[in-house]
Amino acid sequence: MKRIPASSTSAARANELVTSLQQRFVSGLEKLAASMNSTQSFSEVEWFRDKGNHGGGIRYETADGDLFGRGSVNVSQVHYDDHPEKKLGSATAISTIIHPKHPLAPSVHIHISWTKMKQGQGYWRMMADLNPSNENPAHTAQFLAAMKAAAPAQFDEAQAQGNRYFYIPALGRHRGVAHFYLENYHSDDADADYALAHTVGTAAIDTYLSILTDTLQNAAAPTDAQRLAQLAYHTLYFFQVLTLDRGTTTGLLVHDQNDIGIMGSLPACVDPDLLNAWIEHMQTPQDQLLNALITVLPDSSPAELDATVKAKLAAVVRNHYRSHPEAMAMQASGDTIPATVDNHKG
């Protein structure tokens, strides 16, 4: 099979951008691993949308190593050039999450994407958030300062949108400590918007690599308390992604051809007992969703999230929102809901 790229010039240009960011990040992570005498590397996995006729993508993934419990750096491009009835023209994105094994090393989530509807102006989506289980305030300040330097004119709004998007109402807390999120971003200067996306992506990647290097090269052996805090935080991450994250839910509703890739943001293990304790805080029907997610987890504590479990979790989320489409209104939003999410049928 062969992936057919989108025909538009803007989609091709966006694909060059996200692919360069992917290469930059994977290279940086593998260079760090080599510097620490680790053999952990990232494996390339290709997937196809409708046998490649509508695109697909390549992700680099790793798991269960000495440095990273889970890691995924995914680039995708989906288009409907041959379907005039579809509202979506093309969507091109890098979406990456790294969950280090050491509990003092923070996780990171970065997403940069270009979307072009067949009617109207295209827009960028830029996200970067630092997710420590044991916070280092100096690293939080470093990450926020880098994002502010990358987008000084947009930073205040991006931080406000990120703080809204990553808030978890049922638990009264945020996922992560440093949030940058620009949704539906576009101006009258396409070149300036492209440059901003490149600068934001590069700043997020380089700053995280600096934080990760500093942590792993200087951290002592983790304590039991730090490991327990990491498991609790990874459980919170799982909770937010599978009950609130619009991007994850939309991807699963649109198609089932990249479920493992979409679920690449999940950590290695979660605490089912903690998830069970949160059911009573959920509104209906989201309490049913959480209960169904717990049901397909392995009968162990902690519960490991391997590929088989991820596929089951994806099916649970998809079936839930098909049965309860009104529950989409209960998902997170930063400011505006993009057209691709508002009309997930594309």
C-alpha atoms as a PDB file:
ATOM      1  CA  MET A   1       0.000   0.000   0.000  1.00  0.00           C
ATOM      2  CA  LYS A   2       1.018   3.601  -0.549  1.00  0.00           C
ATOM      3  CA  ARG A   3      -0.162   6.738   1.230  1.00  0.00           C
ATOM      4  CA  ILE A   4      -1.547   9.295  -1.210  1.00  0.00           C
ATOM      5  CA  PRO A   5      -0.773  12.832   0.050  1.00  0.00           C
ATOM      6  CA  ALA A   6      -3.223  15.709   0.090  1.00  0.00           C
ATOM      7  CA  SER A   7      -3.186  17.735  -3.102  1.00  0.00           C
ATOM      8  CA  SER A   8      -3.169  21.240  -1.614  1.00  0.00           C
ATOM      9  CA  THR A   9       0.028  23.265  -1.320  1.00  0.00           C
ATOM     10  CA  SER A  10      -0.762  24.292   2.258  1.00  0.00           C
ATOM     11  CA  ALA A  11      -1.177  20.637   3.312  1.00  0.00           C
ATOM     12  CA  ALA A  12       2.132  19.688   1.676  1.00  0.00           C
ATOM     13  CA  ARG A  13       3.870  22.549   3.446  1.00  0.00           C
ATOM     14  CA  ALA A  14       2.306  21.589   6.784  1.00  0.00           C
ATOM     15  CA  ASN A  15       3.425  18.000   6.284  1.00  0.00           C
ATOM     16  CA  GLU A  16       7.010  19.160   5.770  1.00  0.00           C
ATOM     17  CA  LEU A  17       6.788  21.102   9.022  1.00  0.00           C
ATOM     18  CA  VAL A  18       5.376  18.338  11.228  1.00  0.00           C
ATOM     19  CA  THR A  19       7.696  15.737   9.720  1.00  0.00           C
ATOM     20  CA  SER A  20      10.718  17.913  10.492  1.00  0.00           C
ATOM     21  CA  LEU A  21       9.490  18.318  14.084  1.00  0.00           C
ATOM     22  CA  GLN A  22       9.028  14.556  14.359  1.00  0.00           C
ATOM     23  CA  GLN A  23      12.582  13.924  13.173  1.00  0.00           C
ATOM     24  CA  ARG A  24      13.911  16.591  15.531  1.00  0.00           C
ATOM     25  CA  PHE A  25      12.191  15.060  18.558  1.00  0.00           C
ATOM     26  CA  VAL A  26      12.954  11.397  17.856  1.00  0.00           C
ATOM     27  CA  SER A  27      16.590  12.237  17.102  1.00  0.00           C
ATOM     28  CA  GLY A  28      16.862  14.229  20.332  1.00  0.00           C
ATOM     29  CA  LEU A  29      15.327  11.468  22.447  1.00  0.00           C
ATOM     30  CA  GLU A  30      17.547   8.779  20.939  1.00  0.00           C
ATOM     31  CA  LYS A  31      20.631  11.000  21.338  1.00  0.00           C
ATOM     32  CA  LEU A  32      19.773  11.410  25.033  1.00  0.00           C
ATOM     33  CA  ALA A  33      19.347   7.648  25.396  1.00  0.00           C
ATOM     34  CA  ALA A  34      22.737   7.020  23.784  1.00  0.00           C
ATOM     35  CA  SER A  35      24.395   9.565  26.066  1.00  0.00           C
ATOM     36  CA  MET A  36      23.113   7.581  29.040  1.00  0.00           C
ATOM     37  CA  ASN A  37      24.249   4.240  27.624  1.00  0.00           C
ATOM     38  CA  SER A  38      20.666   3.166  27.059  1.00  0.00           C
ATOM     39  CA  THR A  39      19.742   0.896  24.162  1.00  0.00           C
ATOM     40  CA  GLN A  40      16.158   2.165  24.045  1.00  0.00           C
ATOM     41  CA  SER A  41      15.104   3.315  20.592  1.00  0.00           C
ATOM     42  CA  PHE A  42      11.935   4.199  18.695  1.00  0.00           C
ATOM     43  CA  SER A  43      10.402   1.823  16.143  1.00  0.00           C
ATOM     44  CA  GLU A  44       8.714   3.111  12.990  1.00  0.00           C
ATOM     45  CA  VAL A  45       5.082   2.078  12.433  1.00  0.00           C
ATOM     46  CA  GLU A  46       3.122   3.092   9.331  1.00  0.00           C
ATOM     47  CA  TRP A  47      -0.665   3.158   9.094  1.00  0.00           C
ATOM     48  CA  PHE A  48      -3.011   3.784   6.187  1.00  0.00           C
ATOM     49  CA  ARG A  49      -6.345   5.583   5.960  1.00  0.00           C
ATOM     50  CA  ASP A  50      -8.623   3.675   3.602  1.00  0.00           C
ATOM     51  CA  LYS A  51      -5.662   1.677   2.247  1.00  0.00           C
ATOM     52  CA  GLY A  52      -3.732   4.915   1.779  1.00  0.00           C
ATOM     53  CA  ASN A  53      -6.264   6.509  -0.561  1.00  0.00           C
ATOM     54  CA  HIS A  54      -6.979   9.175   2.055  1.00  0.00           C
ATOM     55  CA  GLY A  55      -3.520   9.362   3.587  1.00  0.00           C
ATOM     56  CA  GLY A  56      -2.360   7.864   6.852  1.00  0.00           C
ATOM     57  CA  GLY A  57       0.797   8.387   8.828  1.00  0.00           C
ATOM     58  CA  ILE A  58       3.989   7.229  10.486  1.00  0.00           C
ATOM     59  CA  ARG A  59       4.614   7.076  14.197  1.00  0.00           C
ATOM     60  CA  TYR A  60       7.754   6.302  16.158  1.00  0.00           C
ATOM     61  CA  GLU A  61       6.961   4.421  19.341  1.00  0.00           C
ATOM     62  CA  THR A  62       8.761   2.896  22.293  1.00  0.00           C
ATOM     63  CA  ALA A  63       7.718   1.074  25.442  1.00  0.00           C
ATOM     64  CA  ASP A  64       8.936  -0.634  28.597  1.00  0.00           C
ATOM     65  CA  GLY A  65      12.539   0.526  28.350  1.00  0.00           C
ATOM     66  CA  ASP A  66      14.981   1.758  30.940  1.00  0.00           C
ATOM     67  CA  LEU A  67      14.246   5.439  30.134  1.00  0.00           C
ATOM     68  CA  PHE A  68      10.709   5.553  28.730  1.00  0.00           C
ATOM     69  CA  GLY A  69       7.697   3.583  29.898  1.00  0.00           C
ATOM     70  CA  ARG A  70       5.694   4.722  26.882  1.00  0.00           C
ATOM     71  CA  GLY A  71       6.472   7.094  24.046  1.00  0.00           C
ATOM     72  CA  SER A  72       4.849   7.953  20.727  1.00  0.00           C
ATOM     73  CA  VAL A  73       5.740  10.588  18.127  1.00  0.00           C
ATOM     74  CA  ASN A  74       3.004  10.429  15.506  1.00  0.00           C
ATOM     75  CA  VAL A  75       2.668  12.323  12.221  1.00  0.00           C
ATOM     76  CA  SER A  76      -0.478  11.907  10.167  1.00  0.00           C
ATOM     77  CA  GLN A  77      -2.204  13.434   7.182  1.00  0.00           C
ATOM     78  CA  VAL A  78      -5.791  12.665   6.264  1.00  0.00           C
ATOM     79  CA  HIS A  79      -7.601  14.205   3.289  1.00  0.00           C
ATOM     80  CA  TYR A  80     -10.757  13.864   1.222  1.00  0.00           C
ATOM     81  CA  ASP A  81      -9.683  15.251  -2.142  1.00  0.00           C
ATOM     82  CA  ASP A  82     -11.867  12.703  -3.943  1.00  0.00           C
ATOM     83  CA  HIS A  83     -14.977  13.191  -1.791  1.00  0.00           C
ATOM     84  CA  PRO A  84     -16.593  16.539  -2.667  1.00  0.00           C
ATOM     85  CA  GLU A  85     -19.395  15.927  -0.160  1.00  0.00           C
ATOM     86  CA  LYS A  86     -16.959  15.901   2.786  1.00  0.00           C
ATOM     87  CA  LYS A  87     -16.500  19.156   4.657  1.00  0.00           C
ATOM     88  CA  LEU A  88     -12.902  18.395   5.638  1.00  0.00           C
ATOM     89  CA  GLY A  89     -10.275  19.033   2.995  1.00  0.00           C
ATOM     90  CA  SER A  90      -7.196  17.868   4.899  1.00  0.00           C
ATOM     91  CA  ALA A  91      -5.759  17.573   8.404  1.00  0.00           C
ATOM     92  CA  THR A  92      -2.008  17.317   8.961  1.00  0.00           C
ATOM     93  CA  ALA A  93      -0.539  16.886  12.442  1.00  0.00           C
ATOM     94  CA  ILE A  94       2.219  15.865  14.767  1.00  0.00           C
ATOM     95  CA  SER A  95       0.942  14.551  18.084  1.00  0.00           C
ATOM     96  CA  THR A  96       3.397  13.232  20.623  1.00  0.00           C
ATOM     97  CA  ILE A  97       3.451  12.093  24.228  1.00  0.00           C
ATOM     98  CA  ILE A  98       6.443  10.864  26.207  1.00  0.00           C
ATOM     99  CA  HIS A  99       6.077   9.143  29.587  1.00  0.00           C
ATOM    100  CA  PRO A 100       9.555   8.667  31.123  1.00  0.00           C
ATOM    101  CA  LYS A 101      10.141   5.783  33.507  1.00  0.00           C
ATOM    102  CA  HIS A 102      11.792   7.816  36.283  1.00  0.00           C
ATOM    103  CA  PRO A 103       9.068   9.481  38.393  1.00  0.00           C
ATOM    104  CA  LEU A 104      11.011  12.755  38.658  1.00  0.00           C
ATOM    105  CA  ALA A 105      11.121  13.099  34.865  1.00  0.00           C
ATOM    106  CA  PRO A 106       7.959  14.821  33.593  1.00  0.00           C
ATOM    107  CA  SER A 107       5.768  13.598  30.775  1.00  0.00           C
ATOM    108  CA  VAL A 108       5.112  15.961  27.869  1.00  0.00           C
ATOM    109  CA  HIS A 109       2.359  16.348  25.291  1.00  0.00           C
ATOM    110  CA  ILE A 110       2.871  18.350  22.084  1.00  0.00           C
ATOM    111  CA  HIS A 111       0.445  18.751  19.186  1.00  0.00           C
ATOM    112  CA  ILE A 112       0.863  20.949  16.104  1.00  0.00           C
ATOM    113  CA  SER A 113      -1.668  20.624  13.279  1.00  0.00           C
ATOM    114  CA  TRP A 114      -2.965  22.366  10.163  1.00  0.00           C
ATOM    115  CA  THR A 115      -6.590  21.818   9.155  1.00  0.00           C
ATOM    116  CA  LYS A 116      -8.233  23.031   5.959  1.00  0.00           C
ATOM    117  CA  MET A 117     -11.975  22.774   5.516  1.00  0.00           C
ATOM    118  CA  LYS A 118     -13.186  22.835   1.914  1.00  0.00           C
ATOM    119  CA  GLN A 119     -15.088  26.019   2.682  1.00  0.00           C
ATOM    120  CA  GLY A 120     -13.446  28.778   4.689  1.00  0.00           C
ATOM    121  CA  GLN A 121      -9.983  29.543   5.979  1.00  0.00           C
ATOM    122  CA  GLY A 122      -7.553  26.945   7.283  1.00  0.00           C
ATOM    123  CA  TYR A 123      -6.344  27.061  10.868  1.00  0.00           C
ATOM    124  CA  TRP A 124      -3.560  25.854  13.152  1.00  0.00           C
ATOM    125  CA  ARG A 125      -3.890  24.022  16.458  1.00  0.00           C
ATOM    126  CA  MET A 126      -0.879  24.349  18.747  1.00  0.00           C
ATOM    127  CA  MET A 127      -0.607  22.594  22.096  1.00  0.00           C
ATOM    128  CA  ALA A 128       2.272  22.013  24.499  1.00  0.00           C
ATOM    129  CA  ASP A 129       1.892  20.972  28.111  1.00  0.00           C
ATOM    130  CA  LEU A 130       4.293  19.724  30.768  1.00  0.00           C
ATOM    131  CA  ASN A 131       2.972  16.855  32.891  1.00  0.00           C
ATOM    132  CA  PRO A 132       5.095  15.955  35.931  1.00  0.00           C
ATOM    133  CA  SER A 133       3.983  13.479  38.566  1.00  0.00           C
ATOM    134  CA  ASN A 134       6.425  15.072  41.014  1.00  0.00           C
ATOM    135  CA  GLU A 135       6.666  18.743  40.073  1.00  0.00           C
ATOM    136  CA  ASN A 136       9.935  20.651  39.860  1.00  0.00           C
ATOM    137  CA  PRO A 137       8.915  24.358  39.975  1.00  0.00           C
ATOM    138  CA  ALA A 138      12.106  25.401  38.174  1.00  0.00           C
ATOM    139  CA  HIS A 139      11.197  23.162  35.232  1.00  0.00           C
ATOM    140  CA  THR A 140       7.654  24.513  35.163  1.00  0.00           C
ATOM    141  CA  ALA A 141       9.003  28.065  34.997  1.00  0.00           C
ATOM    142  CA  GLN A 142      11.528  27.061  32.302  1.00  0.00           C
ATOM    143  CA  PHE A 143       8.831  25.510  30.106  1.00  0.00           C
ATOM    144  CA  LEU A 144       6.456  28.468  30.444  1.00  0.00           C
ATOM    145  CA  ALA A 145       9.256  30.964  29.761  1.00  0.00           C
ATOM    146  CA  ALA A 146      10.189  29.097  26.581  1.00  0.00           C
ATOM    147  CA  MET A 147       6.617  29.106  25.322  1.00  0.00           C
ATOM    148  CA  LYS A 148       6.269  32.805  26.103  1.00  0.00           C
ATOM    149  CA  ALA A 149       9.454  33.555  24.181  1.00  0.00           C
ATOM    150  CA  ALA A 150       8.200  31.476  21.242  1.00  0.00           C
ATOM    151  CA  ALA A 151       4.838  33.261  21.072  1.00  0.00           C
ATOM    152  CA  PRO A 152       4.993  36.500  23.075  1.00  0.00           C
ATOM    153  CA  ALA A 153       1.921  38.083  21.484  1.00  0.00           C
ATOM    154  CA  GLN A 154      -0.184  34.933  21.823  1.00  0.00           C
ATOM    155  CA  PHE A 155       1.089  33.574  25.127  1.00  0.00           C
ATOM    156  CA  ASP A 156      -1.473  34.981  27.554  1.00  0.00           C
ATOM    157  CA  GLU A 157      -4.398  33.693  25.501  1.00  0.00           C
ATOM    158  CA  ALA A 158      -2.676  30.353  24.883  1.00  0.00           C
ATOM    159  CA  GLN A 159      -2.081  29.864  28.589  1.00  0.00           C
ATOM    160  CA  ALA A 160      -5.676  30.808  29.412  1.00  0.00           C
ATOM    161  CA  GLN A 161      -7.041  28.391  26.801  1.00  0.00           C
ATOM    162  CA  GLY A 162      -4.719  25.644  28.033  1.00  0.00           C
ATOM    163  CA  ASN A 163      -5.770  26.129  31.622  1.00  0.00           C
ATOM    164  CA  ARG A 164      -9.416  25.791  30.563  1.00  0.00           C
ATOM    165  CA  TYR A 165      -8.841  22.776  28.347  1.00  0.00           C
ATOM    166  CA  PHE A 166      -6.814  20.734  30.826  1.00  0.00           C
ATOM    167  CA  TYR A 167      -9.033  21.418  33.834  1.00  0.00           C
ATOM    168  CA  ILE A 168     -10.840  18.336  35.173  1.00  0.00           C
ATOM    169  CA  PRO A 169     -14.147  19.509  36.704  1.00  0.00           C
ATOM    170  CA  ALA A 170     -15.004  16.198  38.378  1.00  0.00           C
ATOM    171  CA  LEU A 171     -11.747  16.241  40.344  1.00  0.00           C
ATOM    172  CA  GLY A 172     -11.269  19.994  40.713  1.00  0.00           C
ATOM    173  CA  ARG A 173      -7.726  19.990  39.339  1.00  0.00           C
ATOM    174  CA  HIS A 174      -5.667  20.265  36.161  1.00  0.00           C
ATOM    175  CA  ARG A 175      -3.783  17.705  34.129  1.00  0.00           C
ATOM    176  CA  GLY A 176      -0.280  19.112  33.970  1.00  0.00           C
ATOM    177  CA  VAL A 177       1.328  22.258  35.343  1.00  0.00           C
ATOM    178  CA  ALA A 178       2.253  24.299  32.248  1.00  0.00           C
ATOM    179  CA  HIS A 179      -0.325  24.686  29.490  1.00  0.00           C
ATOM    180  CA  PHE A 180      -0.087  26.314  26.061  1.00  0.00           C
ATOM    181  CA  TYR A 181      -3.028  25.945  23.681  1.00  0.00           C
ATOM    182  CA  LEU A 182      -4.000  27.923  20.599  1.00  0.00           C
ATOM    183  CA  GLU A 183      -7.153  26.600  18.934  1.00  0.00           C
ATOM    184  CA  ASN A 184      -8.482  27.647  15.527  1.00  0.00           C
ATOM    185  CA  TYR A 185      -5.500  29.966  15.088  1.00  0.00           C
ATOM    186  CA  HIS A 186      -5.086  31.960  11.889  1.00  0.00           C
ATOM    187  CA  SER A 187      -4.308  35.510  10.862  1.00  0.00           C
ATOM    188  CA  ASP A 188      -4.134  37.350   7.565  1.00  0.00           C
ATOM    189  CA  ASP A 189      -0.488  36.329   7.168  1.00  0.00           C
ATOM    190  CA  ALA A 190      -0.126  32.625   6.266  1.00  0.00           C
ATOM    191  CA  ASP A 191       3.669  32.784   6.338  1.00  0.00           C
ATOM    192  CA  ALA A 192       3.684  34.298   9.823  1.00  0.00           C
ATOM    193  CA  ASP A 193       1.261  31.627  11.056  1.00  0.00           C
ATOM    194  CA  TYR A 194       3.463  28.882   9.622  1.00  0.00           C
ATOM    195  CA  ALA A 195       6.528  30.427  11.274  1.00  0.00           C
ATOM    196  CA  LEU A 196       4.700  30.595  14.603  1.00  0.00           C
ATOM    197  CA  ALA A 197       3.737  26.910  14.411  1.00  0.00           C
ATOM    198  CA  HIS A 198       7.360  26.027  13.673  1.00  0.00           C
ATOM    199  CA  THR A 199       8.689  28.190  16.501  1.00  0.00           C
ATOM    200  CA  VAL A 200       6.175  26.852  19.042  1.00  0.00           C
ATOM    201  CA  GLY A 201       6.856  23.229  18.101  1.00  0.00           C
ATOM    202  CA  THR A 202      10.625  23.690  18.148  1.00  0.00           C
ATOM    203  CA  ALA A 203      10.565  25.518  21.491  1.00  0.00           C
ATOM    204  CA  ALA A 204       8.411  22.848  23.130  1.00  0.00           C
ATOM    205  CA  ILE A 205      10.611  20.011  21.861  1.00  0.00           C
ATOM    206  CA  ASP A 206      13.956  21.609  22.676  1.00  0.00           C
ATOM    207  CA  THR A 207      12.880  22.809  26.114  1.00  0.00           C
ATOM    208  CA  TYR A 208      11.493  19.426  27.060  1.00  0.00           C
ATOM    209  CA  LEU A 209      14.681  17.699  25.907  1.00  0.00           C
ATOM    210  CA  SER A 210      16.666  20.102  28.098  1.00  0.00           C
ATOM    211  CA  ILE A 211      14.428  19.417  31.115  1.00  0.00           C
ATOM    212  CA  LEU A 212      14.532  15.675  30.531  1.00  0.00           C
ATOM    213  CA  THR A 213      18.307  15.624  30.146  1.00  0.00           C
ATOM    214  CA  ASP A 214      18.787  17.676  33.309  1.00  0.00           C
ATOM    215  CA  THR A 215      16.483  15.381  35.266  1.00  0.00           C
ATOM    216  CA  LEU A 216      17.765  12.014  34.098  1.00  0.00           C
ATOM    217  CA  GLN A 217      21.446  12.916  34.360  1.00  0.00           C
ATOM    218  CA  ASN A 218      21.107  14.185  37.924  1.00  0.00           C
ATOM    219  CA  ALA A 219      18.254  12.209  39.518  1.00  0.00           C
ATOM    220  CA  ALA A 220      18.894   9.783  42.345  1.00  0.00           C
ATOM    221  CA  ALA A 221      17.142   6.444  42.546  1.00  0.00           C
ATOM    222  CA  PRO A 222      13.395   7.068  42.966  1.00  0.00           C
ATOM    223  CA  THR A 223      11.670   6.550  46.291  1.00  0.00           C
ATOM    224  CA  ASP A 224       8.545   4.471  46.811  1.00  0.00           C
ATOM    225  CA  ALA A 225       6.572   7.658  47.492  1.00  0.00           C
ATOM    226  CA  GLN A 226       7.691   9.134  44.153  1.00  0.00           C
ATOM    227  CA  ARG A 227       6.705   5.959  42.317  1.00  0.00           C
ATOM    228  CA  LEU A 228       3.272   5.978  43.940  1.00  0.00           C
ATOM    229  CA  ALA A 229       2.820   9.636  42.984  1.00  0.00           C
ATOM    230  CA  GLN A 230       3.727   8.734  39.395  1.00  0.00           C
ATOM    231  CA  LEU A 231       1.157   5.911  39.276  1.00  0.00           C
ATOM    232  CA  ALA A 232      -1.527   8.233  40.661  1.00  0.00           C
ATOM    233  CA  TYR A 233      -0.650  10.898  38.123  1.00  0.00           C
ATOM    234  CA  HIS A 234      -0.610   8.463  35.219  1.00  0.00           C
ATOM    235  CA  THR A 235      -4.058   7.350  36.352  1.00  0.00           C
ATOM    236  CA  LEU A 236      -5.202  10.979  36.263  1.00  0.00           C
ATOM    237  CA  TYR A 237      -3.728  11.304  32.764  1.00  0.00           C
ATOM    238  CA  PHE A 238      -5.658   8.235  31.619  1.00  0.00           C
ATOM    239  CA  PHE A 239      -8.839   9.673  33.157  1.00  0.00           C
ATOM    240  CA  GLN A 240      -8.487  13.033  31.407  1.00  0.00           C
ATOM    241  CA  VAL A 241      -7.587  11.612  28.002  1.00  0.00           C
ATOM    242  CA  LEU A 242     -10.394   9.052  27.848  1.00  0.00           C
ATOM    243  CA  THR A 243     -13.217  11.054  29.435  1.00  0.00           C
ATOM    244  CA  LEU A 244     -12.464  14.661  28.435  1.00  0.00           C
ATOM    245  CA  ASP A 245     -10.041  14.976  25.520  1.00  0.00           C
ATOM    246  CA  ARG A 246     -11.864  16.048  22.348  1.00  0.00           C
ATOM    247  CA  GLY A 247      -8.976  15.249  20.048  1.00  0.00           C
ATOM    248  CA  THR A 248      -8.782  11.637  21.211  1.00  0.00           C
ATOM    249  CA  THR A 249     -12.529  11.113  21.097  1.00  0.00           C
ATOM    250  CA  THR A 250     -12.921  12.688  17.665  1.00  0.00           C
ATOM    251  CA  GLY A 251     -10.128  10.581  16.212  1.00  0.00           C
ATOM    252  CA  LEU A 252     -11.764   7.414  17.490  1.00  0.00           C
ATOM    253  CA  LEU A 253     -15.201   8.396  16.181  1.00  0.00           C
ATOM    254  CA  VAL A 254     -14.020   9.273  12.690  1.00  0.00           C
ATOM    255  CA  HIS A 255     -12.422   5.878  11.991  1.00  0.00           C
ATOM    256  CA  ASP A 256     -10.946   2.745  13.588  1.00  0.00           C
ATOM    257  CA  GLN A 257      -7.840   2.424  11.386  1.00  0.00           C
ATOM    258  CA  ASN A 258      -5.333   3.889  13.864  1.00  0.00           C
ATOM    259  CA  ASP A 259      -6.717   3.043  17.293  1.00  0.00           C
ATOM    260  CA  ILE A 260      -3.353   1.997  18.744  1.00  0.00           C
ATOM    261  CA  GLY A 261      -1.733   5.152  17.417  1.00  0.00           C
ATOM    262  CA  ILE A 262      -4.463   7.390  18.842  1.00  0.00           C
ATOM    263  CA  MET A 263      -4.136   5.622  22.190  1.00  0.00           C
ATOM    264  CA  GLY A 264      -0.380   6.168  22.128  1.00  0.00           C
ATOM    265  CA  SER A 265      -0.827   8.988  24.632  1.00  0.00           C
ATOM    266  CA  LEU A 266      -1.678   6.563  27.432  1.00  0.00           C
ATOM    267  CA  PRO A 267       0.902   5.727  30.112  1.00  0.00           C
ATOM    268  CA  ALA A 268       2.204   2.235  30.854  1.00  0.00           C
ATOM    269  CA  CYS A 269       0.117   1.503  33.948  1.00  0.00           C
ATOM    270  CA  VAL A 270      -2.836   2.876  35.912  1.00  0.00           C
ATOM    271  CA  ASP A 271      -4.451   2.261  39.293  1.00  0.00           C
ATOM    272  CA  PRO A 272      -7.952   0.709  38.855  1.00  0.00           C
ATOM    273  CA  ASP A 273      -8.823   1.313  42.506  1.00  0.00           C
ATOM    274  CA  LEU A 274      -8.224   5.039  42.115  1.00  0.00           C
ATOM    275  CA  LEU A 275     -10.328   5.111  38.945  1.00  0.00           C
ATOM    276  CA  ASN A 276     -13.138   3.328  40.781  1.00  0.00           C
ATOM    277  CA  ALA A 277     -13.017   5.949  43.527  1.00  0.00           C
ATOM    278  CA  TRP A 278     -13.620   8.688  40.940  1.00  0.00           C
ATOM    279  CA  ILE A 279     -16.811   7.198  39.455  1.00  0.00           C
ATOM    280  CA  GLU A 280     -19.003   8.829  42.107  1.00  0.00           C
ATOM    281  CA  HIS A 281     -17.696  12.268  41.053  1.00  0.00           C
ATOM    282  CA  MET A 282     -18.765  11.821  37.424  1.00  0.00           C
ATOM    283  CA  GLN A 283     -21.925  13.151  35.820  1.00  0.00           C
ATOM    284  CA  THR A 284     -24.205  10.791  33.945  1.00  0.00           C
ATOM    285  CA  PRO A 285     -23.504   9.285  31.399  1.00  0.00           C
ATOM    286  CA  GLN A 286     -19.773   9.810  31.914  1.00  0.00           C
ATOM    287  CA  ASP A 287     -19.889   7.656  35.024  1.00  0.00           C
ATOM    288  CA  GLN A 288     -20.974   4.818  32.737  1.00  0.00           C
ATOM    289  CA  LEU A 289     -18.021   5.524  30.445  1.00  0.00           C
ATOM    290  CA  LEU A 290     -15.503   5.361  33.289  1.00  0.00           C
ATOM    291  CA  ASN A 291     -17.048   2.163  34.621  1.00  0.00           C
ATOM    292  CA  ALA A 292     -16.861   0.560  31.171  1.00  0.00           C
ATOM    293  CA  LEU A 293     -13.216   1.608  30.782  1.00  0.00           C
ATOM    294  CA  ILE A 294     -12.333   0.036  34.131  1.00  0.00           C
ATOM    295  CA  THR A 295     -14.106  -3.173  33.128  1.00  0.00           C
ATOM    296  CA  VAL A 296     -11.712  -3.858  30.224  1.00  0.00           C
ATOM    297  CA  LEU A 297      -8.566  -3.229  32.274  1.00  0.00           C
ATOM    298  CA  PRO A 298      -6.510  -6.250  33.375  1.00  0.00           C
ATOM    299  CA  ASP A 299      -7.483  -7.736  36.729  1.00  0.00           C
ATOM    300  CA  SER A 300      -4.367  -6.462  38.460  1.00  0.00           C
ATOM    301  CA  SER A 301      -3.129  -3.427  40.316  1.00  0.00           C
ATOM    302  CA  PRO A 302      -1.438  -1.621  38.748  1.00  0.00           C
ATOM    303  CA  ALA A 303      -3.059  -2.484  35.424  1.00  0.00           C
ATOM    304  CA  GLU A 304      -0.748  -2.524  32.407  1.00  0.00           C
ATOM    305  CA  LEU A 305      -1.954  -0.857  29.209  1.00  0.00           C
ATOM    306  CA  ASP A 306      -0.595  -2.963  26.366  1.00  0.00           C
ATOM    307  CA  ALA A 307      -1.773  -2.892  22.735  1.00  0.00           C
ATOM    308  CA  THR A 308      -4.595  -5.367  23.359  1.00  0.00           C
ATOM    309  CA  VAL A 309      -5.949  -3.301  26.242  1.00  0.00           C
ATOM    310  CA  LYS A 310      -5.637  -0.079  24.227  1.00  0.00           C
ATOM    311  CA  ALA A 311      -7.748  -1.572  21.434  1.00  0.00           C
ATOM    312  CA  LYS A 312     -10.444  -2.511  23.960  1.00  0.00           C
ATOM    313  CA  LEU A 313     -10.362   0.968  25.510  1.00  0.00           C
ATOM    314  CA  ALA A 314     -10.724   2.570  22.063  1.00  0.00           C
ATOM    315  CA  ALA A 315     -13.806   0.448  21.373  1.00  0.00           C
ATOM    316  CA  VAL A 316     -15.332   1.467  24.719  1.00  0.00           C
ATOM    317  CA  VAL A 317     -14.903   5.180  23.990  1.00  0.00           C
ATOM    318  CA  ARG A 318     -16.258   4.838  20.441  1.00  0.00           C
ATOM    319  CA  ASN A 319     -19.304   2.860  21.528  1.00  0.00           C
ATOM    320  CA  HIS A 320     -20.045   5.239  24.389  1.00  0.00           C
ATOM    321  CA  TYR A 321     -20.232   8.373  22.248  1.00  0.00           C
ATOM    322  CA  ARG A 322     -22.173   6.628  19.528  1.00  0.00           C
ATOM    323  CA  SER A 323     -24.724   5.676  22.184  1.00  0.00           C
ATOM    324  CA  HIS A 324     -24.538   9.055  23.959  1.00  0.00           C
ATOM    325  CA  PRO A 325     -23.679  11.731  21.350  1.00  0.00           C
ATOM    326  CA  GLU A 326     -24.933  14.407  23.754  1.00  0.00           C
ATOM    327  CA  ALA A 327     -21.964  13.600  26.004  1.00  0.00           C
ATOM    328  CA  MET A 328     -19.617  15.293  23.519  1.00  0.00           C
ATOM    329  CA  ALA A 329     -20.819  18.580  24.995  1.00  0.00           C
ATOM    330  CA  MET A 330     -19.242  17.494  28.307  1.00  0.00           C
ATOM    331  CA  GLN A 331     -15.737  17.283  26.852  1.00  0.00           C
ATOM    332  CA  ALA A 332     -12.966  19.803  27.301  1.00  0.00           C
ATOM    333  CA  SER A 333     -12.651  22.980  25.236  1.00  0.00           C
ATOM    334  CA  GLY A 334     -10.120  25.765  25.298  1.00  0.00           C
ATOM    335  CA  ASP A 335     -12.099  28.580  23.686  1.00  0.00           C
ATOM    336  CA  THR A 336     -13.752  27.515  20.448  1.00  0.00           C
ATOM    337  CA  ILE A 337     -14.671  24.064  19.163  1.00  0.00           C
ATOM    338  CA  PRO A 338     -13.013  23.447  15.771  1.00  0.00           C
ATOM    339  CA  ALA A 339     -15.121  22.417  12.817  1.00  0.00           C
ATOM    340  CA  THR A 340     -13.509  18.993  12.606  1.00  0.00           C
ATOM    341  CA  VAL A 341     -14.571  18.294  16.182  1.00  0.00           C
ATOM    342  CA  ASP A 342     -17.954  20.015  16.018  1.00  0.00           C
ATOM    343  CA  ASN A 343     -18.835  17.824  13.042  1.00  0.00           C
ATOM    344  CA  HIS A 344     -16.809  14.667  13.639  1.00  0.00           C
ATOM    345  CA  LYS A 345     -18.223  12.935  10.575  1.00  0.00           C
ATOM    346  CA  GLY A 346     -15.824  15.102   8.535  1.00  0.00           C
END
